[in-house]
Amino acid sequence: MNVAFDTLNASRRLRDAGLEERAAEAIVELVQSAAHFPDISGLATKTDIADTVKKADIADMATKTDIIDMVKKADIIDMAT
């Protein structure tokens, strides 16, 4: 996302606020370079990742039917021994 940034106006405002010219220019350059950083708003957050892991864990869990089938098999094995 490109943002229009009036570097001359920003530098003037910083100097008017009492900053030395070199400091004002350095700040303006930093702000201008920050405007060129990539957009990271679409990256997953820790919460997003945790939610995905929880969903995967839930999907991997056995259903009630699976548990009943396992119990039946265990009962059959116990009866056979």
Protein backbone atom coordinates (compact mmCIF):
# COMPACT_ATOMS: atom_id res chain seq x y z
CA MET A 1 0.00 0.00 0.00
CA ASN A 2 1.56 3.28 -1.08
CA VAL A 3 0.78 6.24 1.11
CA ALA A 4 1.39 9.80 -0.04
CA PHE A 5 3.72 11.47 2.44
CA ASP A 6 4.69 15.12 2.15
CA THR A 7 8.29 14.94 3.32
CA LEU A 8 8.94 18.66 2.93
CA ASN A 9 5.92 19.60 5.05
CA ALA A 10 6.78 17.00 7.68
CA SER A 11 10.36 18.23 7.90
CA ARG A 12 9.19 21.84 8.24
CA ARG A 13 6.74 20.93 10.99
CA LEU A 14 9.42 19.08 12.93
CA ARG A 15 11.82 22.01 12.60
CA ASP A 16 9.05 24.42 13.66
CA ALA A 17 8.55 22.23 16.73
CA GLY A 18 12.17 22.83 17.69
CA LEU A 19 14.08 19.92 16.18
CA GLU A 20 17.35 20.53 14.44
CA GLU A 21 17.27 20.16 10.66
CA ARG A 22 19.38 16.97 10.68
CA ALA A 23 17.11 15.32 13.26
CA ALA A 24 13.96 16.40 11.40
CA GLU A 25 15.28 15.00 8.12
CA ALA A 26 16.28 11.72 9.78
CA ILE A 27 12.81 11.28 11.26
CA VAL A 28 11.16 12.07 7.93
CA GLU A 29 13.37 9.51 6.16
CA LEU A 30 12.47 6.85 8.73
CA VAL A 31 8.75 7.52 8.37
CA GLN A 32 9.02 7.50 4.59
CA SER A 33 10.89 4.19 4.58
CA ALA A 34 8.31 2.68 6.95
CA ALA A 35 5.61 3.42 4.39
CA HIS A 36 7.31 0.93 2.06
CA PHE A 37 7.17 -2.00 4.47
CA PRO A 38 5.09 -4.93 3.21
CA ASP A 39 1.46 -5.20 4.30
CA ILE A 40 1.31 -7.82 7.04
CA SER A 41 -2.36 -7.39 7.93
CA GLY A 42 -3.21 -10.71 6.26
CA LEU A 43 -0.76 -12.79 8.28
CA ALA A 44 -2.06 -15.28 10.80
CA THR A 45 -1.96 -14.28 14.45
CA LYS A 46 -1.05 -16.58 17.33
CA THR A 47 -4.77 -16.86 18.06
CA ASP A 48 -5.52 -17.85 14.45
CA ILE A 49 -2.89 -20.58 14.61
CA ALA A 50 -4.11 -21.83 18.00
CA ASP A 51 -7.69 -21.99 16.70
CA THR A 52 -6.54 -23.99 13.67
CA VAL A 53 -4.65 -26.43 15.89
CA LYS A 54 -7.72 -26.84 18.12
CA LYS A 55 -9.89 -27.58 15.08
CA ALA A 56 -7.38 -30.18 13.89
CA ASP A 57 -7.29 -31.76 17.35
CA ILE A 58 -11.08 -31.93 17.44
CA ALA A 59 -11.16 -33.49 13.98
CA ASP A 60 -8.66 -36.13 15.12
CA MET A 61 -10.69 -37.03 18.22
CA ALA A 62 -12.72 -40.18 18.16
CA THR A 63 -16.47 -39.82 17.80
CA LYS A 64 -18.90 -41.40 20.26
CA THR A 65 -19.52 -44.17 17.76
CA ASP A 66 -15.78 -44.84 17.49
CA ILE A 67 -15.51 -45.06 21.28
CA ILE A 68 -18.49 -47.43 21.52
CA ASP A 69 -16.94 -49.64 18.83
CA MET A 70 -13.63 -49.70 20.71
CA VAL A 71 -15.39 -50.67 23.94
CA LYS A 72 -17.27 -53.46 22.15
CA LYS A 73 -14.02 -54.78 20.69
CA ALA A 74 -12.38 -54.66 24.12
CA ASP A 75 -15.35 -56.51 25.61
CA ILE A 76 -15.11 -59.20 22.92
CA ILE A 77 -11.39 -59.59 23.57
CA ASP A 78 -12.04 -59.84 27.33
CA MET A 79 -14.69 -62.52 26.75
CA ALA A 80 -12.32 -64.50 24.55
CA THR A 81 -9.64 -64.64 27.21
